[in-house]
C-alpha atoms as a PDB file:
ATOM      1  CA  MET A   1      14.050  21.539   2.810  1.00  0.00           C
ATOM      2  CA  GLY A   2      12.961  20.499  -0.680  1.00  0.00           C
ATOM      3  CA  VAL A   3      10.780  17.581  -1.687  1.00  0.00           C
ATOM      4  CA  THR A   4      11.076  15.345  -4.737  1.00  0.00           C
ATOM      5  CA  ALA A   5       7.863  13.621  -5.807  1.00  0.00           C
ATOM      6  CA  VAL A   6       8.072  10.274  -7.593  1.00  0.00           C
ATOM      7  CA  ILE A   7       4.905   9.319  -9.470  1.00  0.00           C
ATOM      8  CA  LEU A   8       4.748   5.580 -10.117  1.00  0.00           C
ATOM      9  CA  ALA A   9       3.562   5.007 -13.675  1.00  0.00           C
ATOM     10  CA  GLY A  10       5.387   1.853 -14.694  1.00  0.00           C
ATOM     11  CA  GLY A  11       2.853  -0.913 -14.146  1.00  0.00           C
ATOM     12  CA  ARG A  12       1.685  -3.199 -16.948  1.00  0.00           C
ATOM     13  CA  ALA A  13      -1.946  -2.043 -16.570  1.00  0.00           C
ATOM     14  CA  THR A  14      -3.374  -5.243 -18.028  1.00  0.00           C
ATOM     15  CA  ARG A  15      -6.667  -4.752 -16.160  1.00  0.00           C
ATOM     16  CA  MET A  16      -6.874  -1.207 -17.530  1.00  0.00           C
ATOM     17  CA  GLN A  17      -6.358  -2.593 -21.051  1.00  0.00           C
ATOM     18  CA  GLY A  18      -3.742  -0.030 -21.995  1.00  0.00           C
ATOM     19  CA  GLU A  19      -1.533   2.711 -20.640  1.00  0.00           C
ATOM     20  CA  LYS A  20      -3.051   3.456 -17.232  1.00  0.00           C
ATOM     21  CA  PRO A  21      -1.106   6.710 -16.665  1.00  0.00           C
ATOM     22  CA  LEU A  22      -2.483   8.093 -19.933  1.00  0.00           C
ATOM     23  CA  ARG A  23      -6.133   7.179 -19.321  1.00  0.00           C
ATOM     24  CA  LEU A  24      -8.355  10.238 -19.117  1.00  0.00           C
ATOM     25  CA  LEU A  25     -10.264  11.132 -15.983  1.00  0.00           C
ATOM     26  CA  LYS A  26     -12.469  14.208 -16.291  1.00  0.00           C
ATOM     27  CA  GLY A  27     -10.378  15.641 -19.115  1.00  0.00           C
ATOM     28  CA  SER A  28      -6.887  15.024 -17.710  1.00  0.00           C
ATOM     29  CA  THR A  29      -4.682  11.954 -17.679  1.00  0.00           C
ATOM     30  CA  LEU A  30      -4.172  10.059 -14.430  1.00  0.00           C
ATOM     31  CA  LEU A  31      -0.552  11.179 -14.647  1.00  0.00           C
ATOM     32  CA  GLU A  32      -1.609  14.832 -14.823  1.00  0.00           C
ATOM     33  CA  HIS A  33      -3.952  14.345 -11.849  1.00  0.00           C
ATOM     34  CA  SER A  34      -1.029  12.907  -9.862  1.00  0.00           C
ATOM     35  CA  LYS A  35       1.223  15.793 -10.828  1.00  0.00           C
ATOM     36  CA  ASP A  36      -1.453  18.254  -9.696  1.00  0.00           C
ATOM     37  CA  LEU A  37      -1.656  16.490  -6.312  1.00  0.00           C
ATOM     38  CA  VAL A  38       2.085  16.635  -5.617  1.00  0.00           C
ATOM     39  CA  ALA A  39       2.986  19.932  -7.310  1.00  0.00           C
ATOM     40  CA  PRO A  40       2.129  22.154  -4.297  1.00  0.00           C
ATOM     41  CA  LEU A  41       4.538  20.107  -2.151  1.00  0.00           C
ATOM     42  CA  ALA A  42       7.403  19.262  -4.495  1.00  0.00           C
ATOM     43  CA  ASP A  43       9.993  21.354  -6.276  1.00  0.00           C
ATOM     44  CA  GLU A  44      10.968  18.328  -8.390  1.00  0.00           C
ATOM     45  CA  VAL A  45       8.541  15.823  -9.950  1.00  0.00           C
ATOM     46  CA  LEU A  46       9.815  12.558 -11.436  1.00  0.00           C
ATOM     47  CA  VAL A  47       7.727   9.998 -13.310  1.00  0.00           C
ATOM     48  CA  ALA A  48       8.929   6.414 -12.796  1.00  0.00           C
ATOM     49  CA  SER A  49       7.909   4.790 -16.076  1.00  0.00           C
ATOM     50  CA  GLY A  50       9.264   1.279 -15.626  1.00  0.00           C
ATOM     51  CA  ALA A  51      11.181   0.222 -18.735  1.00  0.00           C
ATOM     52  CA  ARG A  52       9.069   2.064 -21.296  1.00  0.00           C
ATOM     53  CA  ASP A  53       9.119   5.500 -22.826  1.00  0.00           C
ATOM     54  CA  LEU A  54       6.402   7.713 -21.431  1.00  0.00           C
ATOM     55  CA  GLU A  55       5.931  11.387 -22.189  1.00  0.00           C
ATOM     56  CA  PRO A  56       5.829  13.155 -18.820  1.00  0.00           C
ATOM     57  CA  PRO A  57       3.632  16.151 -18.055  1.00  0.00           C
ATOM     58  CA  ALA A  58       5.234  19.586 -18.351  1.00  0.00           C
ATOM     59  CA  ASP A  59       7.903  20.305 -15.742  1.00  0.00           C
ATOM     60  CA  CYS A  60       8.388  16.604 -14.973  1.00  0.00           C
ATOM     61  CA  LYS A  61      11.226  14.253 -15.818  1.00  0.00           C
ATOM     62  CA  THR A  62      10.935  10.535 -16.604  1.00  0.00           C
ATOM     63  CA  VAL A  63      13.143   7.969 -14.870  1.00  0.00           C
ATOM     64  CA  LYS A  64      13.382   4.306 -15.850  1.00  0.00           C
ATOM     65  CA  ASP A  65      14.054   1.198 -13.793  1.00  0.00           C
ATOM     66  CA  ALA A  66      17.688   0.133 -13.607  1.00  0.00           C
ATOM     67  CA  PRO A  67      18.131  -2.861 -15.957  1.00  0.00           C
ATOM     68  CA  GLU A  68      19.153  -5.169 -13.097  1.00  0.00           C
ATOM     69  CA  PHE A  69      15.834  -4.505 -11.352  1.00  0.00           C
ATOM     70  CA  ALA A  70      13.516  -4.320 -14.382  1.00  0.00           C
ATOM     71  CA  GLY A  71      10.234  -6.113 -13.779  1.00  0.00           C
ATOM     72  CA  GLN A  72      10.634  -6.063  -9.990  1.00  0.00           C
ATOM     73  CA  GLY A  73       7.460  -4.047  -9.435  1.00  0.00           C
ATOM     74  CA  PRO A  74       6.952  -0.726  -7.676  1.00  0.00           C
ATOM     75  CA  LEU A  75      10.188  -0.903  -5.674  1.00  0.00           C
ATOM     76  CA  ALA A  76      12.199  -0.770  -8.915  1.00  0.00           C
ATOM     77  CA  GLY A  77      10.419   2.437  -9.927  1.00  0.00           C
ATOM     78  CA  ILE A  78      10.790   3.857  -6.444  1.00  0.00           C
ATOM     79  CA  LEU A  79      14.542   3.165  -6.533  1.00  0.00           C
ATOM     80  CA  ALA A  80      14.841   4.843  -9.946  1.00  0.00           C
ATOM     81  CA  GLY A  81      13.174   7.902  -8.446  1.00  0.00           C
ATOM     82  CA  LEU A  82      15.267   7.837  -5.273  1.00  0.00           C
ATOM     83  CA  ASP A  83      18.469   7.557  -7.325  1.00  0.00           C
ATOM     84  CA  ALA A  84      17.463  10.596  -9.399  1.00  0.00           C
ATOM     85  CA  ALA A  85      16.039  12.652  -6.507  1.00  0.00           C
ATOM     86  CA  SER A  86      17.895  15.861  -5.732  1.00  0.00           C
ATOM     87  CA  ASN A  87      16.162  16.492  -2.387  1.00  0.00           C
ATOM     88  CA  ASP A  88      16.468  15.019   1.106  1.00  0.00           C
ATOM     89  CA  ILE A  89      12.772  14.086   1.183  1.00  0.00           C
ATOM     90  CA  THR A  90      10.957  11.990  -1.406  1.00  0.00           C
ATOM     91  CA  LEU A  91       7.191  11.650  -1.721  1.00  0.00           C
ATOM     92  CA  VAL A  92       6.021   8.536  -3.589  1.00  0.00           C
ATOM     93  CA  LEU A  93       2.576   8.362  -5.190  1.00  0.00           C
ATOM     94  CA  ALA A  94       1.024   5.748  -7.467  1.00  0.00           C
ATOM     95  CA  CYS A  95      -0.630   7.348 -10.499  1.00  0.00           C
ATOM     96  CA  ASP A  96      -3.920   5.511  -9.869  1.00  0.00           C
ATOM     97  CA  LEU A  97      -4.833   7.301  -6.618  1.00  0.00           C
ATOM     98  CA  PRO A  98      -6.377  10.522  -7.989  1.00  0.00           C
ATOM     99  CA  ASN A  99      -8.558  11.233  -4.942  1.00  0.00           C
ATOM    100  CA  LEU A 100      -5.869  11.568  -2.299  1.00  0.00           C
ATOM    101  CA  PRO A 101      -5.998  15.073  -0.897  1.00  0.00           C
ATOM    102  CA  THR A 102      -2.785  17.077  -1.170  1.00  0.00           C
ATOM    103  CA  ARG A 103      -3.305  17.891   2.536  1.00  0.00           C
ATOM    104  CA  LEU A 104      -2.892  14.194   3.331  1.00  0.00           C
ATOM    105  CA  LEU A 105       0.316  13.971   1.304  1.00  0.00           C
ATOM    106  CA  LYS A 106       1.561  17.013   3.214  1.00  0.00           C
ATOM    107  CA  ARG A 107       0.852  15.233   6.514  1.00  0.00           C
ATOM    108  CA  LEU A 108       3.024  12.320   5.352  1.00  0.00           C
ATOM    109  CA  VAL A 109       5.919  14.685   4.663  1.00  0.00           C
ATOM    110  CA  GLU A 110       5.430  16.521   7.967  1.00  0.00           C
ATOM    111  CA  ALA A 111       5.554  13.239   9.918  1.00  0.00           C
ATOM    112  CA  LEU A 112       9.175  12.618   8.935  1.00  0.00           C
ATOM    113  CA  ASP A 113      11.727  13.343  11.643  1.00  0.00           C
ATOM    114  CA  ALA A 114      14.837  11.824  13.247  1.00  0.00           C
ATOM    115  CA  ASP A 115      12.781   8.832  14.444  1.00  0.00           C
ATOM    116  CA  CYS A 116      10.801   8.322  11.228  1.00  0.00           C
ATOM    117  CA  ASP A 117      12.508   7.756   7.871  1.00  0.00           C
ATOM    118  CA  CYS A 118       9.356   6.520   6.126  1.00  0.00           C
ATOM    119  CA  CYS A 119       5.678   7.302   6.655  1.00  0.00           C
ATOM    120  CA  TRP A 120       2.581   5.852   5.020  1.00  0.00           C
ATOM    121  CA  CYS A 121      -1.108   5.498   5.862  1.00  0.00           C
ATOM    122  CA  GLU A 122      -3.089   2.590   7.188  1.00  0.00           C
ATOM    123  CA  HIS A 123      -6.876   2.470   7.311  1.00  0.00           C
ATOM    124  CA  SER A 124      -9.281  -0.339   8.137  1.00  0.00           C
ATOM    125  CA  GLY A 125      -6.255  -2.524   8.860  1.00  0.00           C
ATOM    126  CA  HIS A 126      -4.846  -2.079   5.352  1.00  0.00           C
ATOM    127  CA  PRO A 127      -1.530  -0.360   4.593  1.00  0.00           C
ATOM    128  CA  GLU A 128      -1.424   2.109   1.712  1.00  0.00           C
ATOM    129  CA  PRO A 129       2.290   1.929   0.880  1.00  0.00           C
ATOM    130  CA  LEU A 130       2.187   3.628  -2.524  1.00  0.00           C
ATOM    131  CA  ALA A 131       1.444   6.993  -0.994  1.00  0.00           C
ATOM    132  CA  ALA A 132       4.448   7.486   1.269  1.00  0.00           C
ATOM    133  CA  ALA A 133       7.028  10.054   2.305  1.00  0.00           C
ATOM    134  CA  MET A 134      10.613   9.174   3.144  1.00  0.00           C
ATOM    135  CA  HIS A 135      14.082  10.466   3.811  1.00  0.00           C
ATOM    136  CA  THR A 136      15.732   9.911   0.447  1.00  0.00           C
ATOM    137  CA  ALA A 137      19.102   8.523   1.590  1.00  0.00           C
ATOM    138  CA  ALA A 138      17.644   6.041   4.094  1.00  0.00           C
ATOM    139  CA  ALA A 139      15.005   4.866   1.626  1.00  0.00           C
ATOM    140  CA  ARG A 140      17.509   4.531  -1.218  1.00  0.00           C
ATOM    141  CA  GLU A 141      19.630   2.227   0.936  1.00  0.00           C
ATOM    142  CA  ALA A 142      16.662   0.140   2.149  1.00  0.00           C
ATOM    143  CA  VAL A 143      15.086  -0.246  -1.300  1.00  0.00           C
ATOM    144  CA  ARG A 144      18.384  -1.144  -2.983  1.00  0.00           C
ATOM    145  CA  LYS A 145      19.054  -3.765  -0.294  1.00  0.00           C
ATOM    146  CA  ALA A 146      15.562  -5.246  -0.636  1.00  0.00           C
ATOM    147  CA  LEU A 147      15.826  -5.521  -4.419  1.00  0.00           C
ATOM    148  CA  THR A 148      19.369  -6.900  -4.267  1.00  0.00           C
ATOM    149  CA  ASP A 149      18.136  -9.531  -1.796  1.00  0.00           C
ATOM    150  CA  GLY A 150      15.308 -10.473  -4.186  1.00  0.00           C
ATOM    151  CA  ALA A 151      12.589  -8.988  -1.974  1.00  0.00           C
ATOM    152  CA  ASN A 152      10.229  -6.769  -3.959  1.00  0.00           C
ATOM    153  CA  LYS A 153       7.338  -6.232  -1.532  1.00  0.00           C
ATOM    154  CA  VAL A 154       6.855  -2.596  -0.576  1.00  0.00           C
ATOM    155  CA  VAL A 155       5.442  -2.850   2.970  1.00  0.00           C
ATOM    156  CA  PRO A 156       8.250  -5.073   4.370  1.00  0.00           C
ATOM    157  CA  CYS A 157      10.772  -2.693   2.828  1.00  0.00           C
ATOM    158  CA  TRP A 158       9.110   0.330   4.451  1.00  0.00           C
ATOM    159  CA  ARG A 159       8.965  -1.529   7.771  1.00  0.00           C
ATOM    160  CA  SER A 160      12.706  -2.246   7.575  1.00  0.00           C
ATOM    161  CA  MET A 161      13.305   1.479   8.108  1.00  0.00           C
ATOM    162  CA  ALA A 162      12.556   3.641  11.121  1.00  0.00           C
ATOM    163  CA  HIS A 163       8.925   4.334  10.286  1.00  0.00           C
ATOM    164  CA  CYS A 164       5.654   5.825  11.400  1.00  0.00           C
ATOM    165  CA  VAL A 165       2.136   5.197  10.159  1.00  0.00           C
ATOM    166  CA  LEU A 166      -0.742   7.642   9.929  1.00  0.00           C
ATOM    167  CA  GLY A 167      -3.718   5.795  11.358  1.00  0.00           C
ATOM    168  CA  PRO A 168      -7.405   6.407  12.089  1.00  0.00           C
ATOM    169  CA  ASP A 169      -6.810   9.298  14.500  1.00  0.00           C
ATOM    170  CA  VAL A 170      -5.062  11.377  11.816  1.00  0.00           C
ATOM    171  CA  LEU A 171      -6.979  10.043   8.822  1.00  0.00           C
ATOM    172  CA  ALA A 172     -10.446  10.831  10.225  1.00  0.00           C
ATOM    173  CA  GLU A 173     -10.295  14.349   8.786  1.00  0.00           C
ATOM    174  CA  PHE A 174      -9.869  12.889   5.287  1.00  0.00           C
ATOM    175  CA  ALA A 175     -13.012  10.701   5.332  1.00  0.00           C
ATOM    176  CA  PRO A 176     -14.478   8.979   3.462  1.00  0.00           C
ATOM    177  CA  LEU A 177     -11.222   7.017   3.269  1.00  0.00           C
ATOM    178  CA  GLU A 178     -12.577   4.484   0.796  1.00  0.00           C
ATOM    179  CA  ARG A 179     -12.869   7.331  -1.695  1.00  0.00           C
ATOM    180  CA  ALA A 180      -9.554   8.963  -0.801  1.00  0.00           C
ATOM    181  CA  PHE A 181      -7.715   5.669  -1.297  1.00  0.00           C
ATOM    182  CA  ALA A 182      -9.820   4.417  -4.226  1.00  0.00           C
ATOM    183  CA  ASN A 183      -7.359   2.703  -6.530  1.00  0.00           C
ATOM    184  CA  LEU A 184      -8.301   2.861 -10.217  1.00  0.00           C
ATOM    185  CA  ASN A 185      -7.274  -0.511 -11.652  1.00  0.00           C
ATOM    186  CA  THR A 186      -9.926  -1.293 -14.254  1.00  0.00           C
ATOM    187  CA  LEU A 187     -11.899   0.509 -16.914  1.00  0.00           C
ATOM    188  CA  GLU A 188     -14.969   0.026 -14.702  1.00  0.00           C
ATOM    189  CA  ASP A 189     -13.190   1.806 -11.822  1.00  0.00           C
ATOM    190  CA  LEU A 190     -12.344   4.651 -14.174  1.00  0.00           C
ATOM    191  CA  GLU A 191     -15.898   4.897 -15.518  1.00  0.00           C
ATOM    192  CA  ARG A 192     -17.319   4.927 -11.985  1.00  0.00           C
ATOM    193  CA  GLU A 193     -14.923   7.729 -11.039  1.00  0.00           C
ATOM    194  CA  GLN A 194     -15.948   9.765 -14.101  1.00  0.00           C
ATOM    195  CA  ASP A 195     -19.465   9.907 -12.632  1.00  0.00           C
ATOM    196  CA  GLU A 196     -18.408  11.022  -9.115  1.00  0.00           C
END
């Protein structure tokens, strides 16, 4: 069974003061880091670029938000990816999570079954919904419904599906979790990560 990866790269990045996906981290763009994380798991990699033109890394294709959902946040990019996905499983990853181990992303994919259409992680009581695996058809339906209903929050959408969550028992092997889930939102975050 194949996997399509959707890298979310459509945010406004105002705190990053420019194109976040194209910011360099240790010689590669954040987008390239994301591609490297998902490439061992996915036979198709899509870059959800919001409404703008963005040059994808080699062997990736860019998808844009549908006009009716433009500006609706990550769910719009996720739907663009789900609509373009050619596989039964889709792995979603925000481009600003460069420290997530590929092994953890693999665990998300492996958790999917007949009773779980969407899987994400939760640590220290906080959901991490922008690293998630899902059955493409079920997720496409749920995300389209949420956006059509004017609901653009990711976690409630994921919870509307049959879901499972990887918690502390599974995540312990990926410690320190604060580093694994470190979200690079500002230039200071990026500079700090350069020194790690």
